[in-house]
Protein backbone atom coordinates (compact mmCIF):
# COMPACT_ATOMS: atom_id res chain seq x y z
CA MET A 1 46.64 153.81 49.13
CA GLU A 2 46.16 156.91 47.90
CA ASN A 3 46.26 157.73 44.36
CA LEU A 4 48.19 161.59 43.24
CA SER A 5 44.83 162.72 41.88
CA ASN A 6 43.11 162.10 44.76
CA VAL A 7 45.63 163.92 47.59
CA SER A 8 45.79 167.20 45.16
CA SER A 9 42.02 167.20 45.02
CA GLU A 10 42.16 166.83 49.53
CA GLU A 11 45.38 169.56 49.46
CA GLU A 12 42.27 171.61 47.47
CA LEU A 13 39.99 171.01 50.47
CA LEU A 14 42.57 171.75 53.33
CA GLN A 15 43.25 174.97 51.36
CA LEU A 16 39.80 175.97 51.38
CA ARG A 17 39.56 175.04 54.52
CA ASN A 18 42.13 176.66 55.67
CA GLU A 19 41.01 179.67 53.72
CA ASP A 20 37.38 179.78 55.73
CA LYS A 21 35.61 178.93 52.32
CA ILE A 22 33.61 176.06 53.99
CA SER A 23 33.39 174.98 57.07
CA GLU A 24 35.06 171.90 58.94
CA GLU A 25 31.78 169.87 58.93
CA GLU A 26 32.26 170.33 54.80
CA TYR A 27 35.45 169.37 54.89
CA GLU A 28 35.02 165.94 56.40
CA GLU A 29 31.62 165.27 54.40
CA LEU A 30 33.48 166.54 50.64
CA ARG A 31 36.83 164.29 52.50
CA SER A 32 35.11 161.08 53.43
CA ALA A 33 32.51 161.01 50.05
CA MET A 34 36.13 161.18 47.37
CA ARG A 35 37.42 158.43 50.07
CA LYS A 36 34.58 156.56 49.35
CA SER A 37 33.47 157.29 45.24
CA THR A 38 37.47 156.18 44.81
CA LYS A 39 37.10 152.91 46.58
CA LEU A 40 33.77 151.73 44.81
CA ASP A 41 35.01 152.54 41.39
CA VAL A 42 38.77 151.02 41.68
CA GLU A 43 37.16 147.39 43.01
CA PRO A 44 34.65 146.04 40.47
CA PRO A 45 35.76 146.51 37.20
CA THR A 46 38.63 143.88 37.81
CA ALA A 47 36.40 141.47 38.75
CA VAL A 48 33.43 141.60 36.23
CA THR A 49 36.34 141.47 33.62
CA ASP A 50 37.95 138.57 35.58
CA LYS A 51 34.23 137.34 34.53
CA ALA A 52 33.52 137.81 30.84
CA LYS A 53 36.95 136.45 30.44
CA SER A 54 36.44 133.11 31.84
CA LYS A 55 32.95 133.00 30.17
CA ARG A 56 34.53 133.68 27.17
CA LYS A 57 36.89 130.93 28.00
CA LEU A 58 34.05 128.29 28.20
CA ALA A 59 32.56 129.12 25.50
CA LYS A 60 35.85 128.28 22.84
CA ILE A 61 36.05 125.13 24.77
CA ALA A 62 32.72 124.31 24.23
CA PHE A 63 33.13 125.44 21.32
CA VAL A 64 35.80 123.15 20.28
CA LEU A 65 34.34 120.58 22.30
CA MET A 66 30.91 120.72 20.83
CA LEU A 67 33.59 120.57 16.84
CA VAL A 68 35.20 116.88 18.21
CA GLY A 69 32.25 115.53 19.39
CA ILE A 70 30.97 116.11 16.03
CA VAL A 71 34.30 115.02 13.84
CA LEU A 72 36.07 112.11 15.63
CA PRO A 73 32.36 110.07 15.65
CA VAL A 74 32.81 110.66 11.67
CA VAL A 75 36.22 110.12 11.40
CA CYS A 76 36.16 106.68 13.68
CA PHE A 77 33.09 105.64 11.37
CA LEU A 78 35.00 106.46 7.96
CA VAL A 79 38.31 104.47 8.97
CA PHE A 80 36.85 101.44 10.63
CA GLU A 81 33.35 101.03 10.10
CA TYR A 82 32.92 101.84 6.51
CA PRO A 83 34.84 99.32 4.45
CA THR A 84 32.74 96.76 6.23
CA SER A 85 29.93 95.46 4.86
CA ARG A 86 27.15 97.21 7.19
CA PRO A 87 27.92 100.36 9.12
CA ASP A 88 26.97 102.26 11.67
CA ILE A 89 27.64 104.76 13.13
CA GLY A 90 25.53 104.77 16.31
CA PRO A 91 28.72 102.96 18.42
CA TRP A 92 30.67 105.71 17.38
CA PHE A 93 28.53 108.12 18.02
CA LEU A 94 27.58 107.42 21.92
CA PHE A 95 31.32 105.67 22.72
CA PHE A 96 33.43 109.64 21.71
CA GLY A 97 30.77 112.54 20.51
CA LEU A 98 27.83 111.69 23.69
CA PRO A 99 29.79 112.58 26.31
CA LEU A 100 32.03 115.40 24.22
CA GLU A 101 28.42 116.96 23.57
CA ILE A 102 27.22 116.76 26.87
CA ALA A 103 29.90 118.45 28.01
CA ALA A 104 29.83 121.04 24.71
CA PHE A 105 26.37 121.52 26.20
CA VAL A 106 27.10 122.23 30.62
CA MET A 107 29.70 124.31 29.59
CA GLY A 108 27.77 126.61 27.06
CA VAL A 109 24.85 127.15 29.42
CA LEU A 110 27.35 128.28 32.13
CA ALA A 111 28.81 130.39 29.72
CA TRP A 112 25.61 131.81 28.71
CA PRO A 113 26.25 135.48 27.49
CA GLU A 114 28.89 134.53 24.96
CA VAL A 115 27.88 134.17 21.37
CA LEU A 116 30.46 130.67 21.03
CA ALA A 117 28.02 129.89 23.77
CA LYS A 118 24.89 130.15 22.36
CA ALA A 119 25.68 128.52 18.82
CA THR A 120 27.10 125.64 20.95
CA LEU A 121 24.11 125.39 22.81
CA ILE A 122 22.14 126.02 19.51
CA ALA A 123 24.35 123.71 17.30
CA VAL A 124 24.27 120.79 20.25
CA SER A 125 20.40 120.79 19.91
CA LEU A 126 20.61 120.31 16.97
CA ILE A 127 22.43 117.28 16.67
CA SER A 128 20.82 116.14 19.73
CA PHE A 129 17.75 116.11 18.05
CA ILE A 130 18.81 114.86 14.54
CA VAL A 131 20.43 111.85 16.33
CA VAL A 132 17.49 110.69 18.79
CA LEU A 133 15.11 111.17 14.85
CA ALA A 134 17.84 108.67 13.42
CA PHE A 135 17.57 106.16 15.72
CA ILE A 136 13.84 106.46 15.76
CA ILE A 137 13.65 106.18 12.07
CA GLU A 138 15.64 103.51 12.32
CA ILE A 139 13.93 101.64 14.45
CA ALA A 140 10.63 102.15 12.77
CA PHE A 141 11.13 101.49 9.10
CA PHE A 142 14.51 98.80 9.67
CA GLY A 143 13.63 97.01 12.74
CA GLY A 144 16.37 97.59 14.83
């Protein structure tokens, strides 16, 4: 379907051709160029905006997963392990936190250009580094 401005432009071209201001060849060239430019201008923006929206949504999901992966093990630790004699957050993090952090990392990589995705990747990387460092310190100084 042609839009209204395209139709009026074609009418103007037809009028110029009828008044012998442009030749038949020029008329056909201008008409085909006008149709090509309208087809090219219409389609790409929708694909780009849909892709940007999906990346933004994926980045938000990754950020939420990252936060839940931090909060859920801590809450479980405080509710179930802290009152006992030797509390250990390791099992809670491995059971609840690690899968959520891995999912957040993967989604953050997929939605990389977004700001939330970058923040998620940086936070997950720092959390992973701190957890690995804590396990190494526990093994080295406290004997496992």
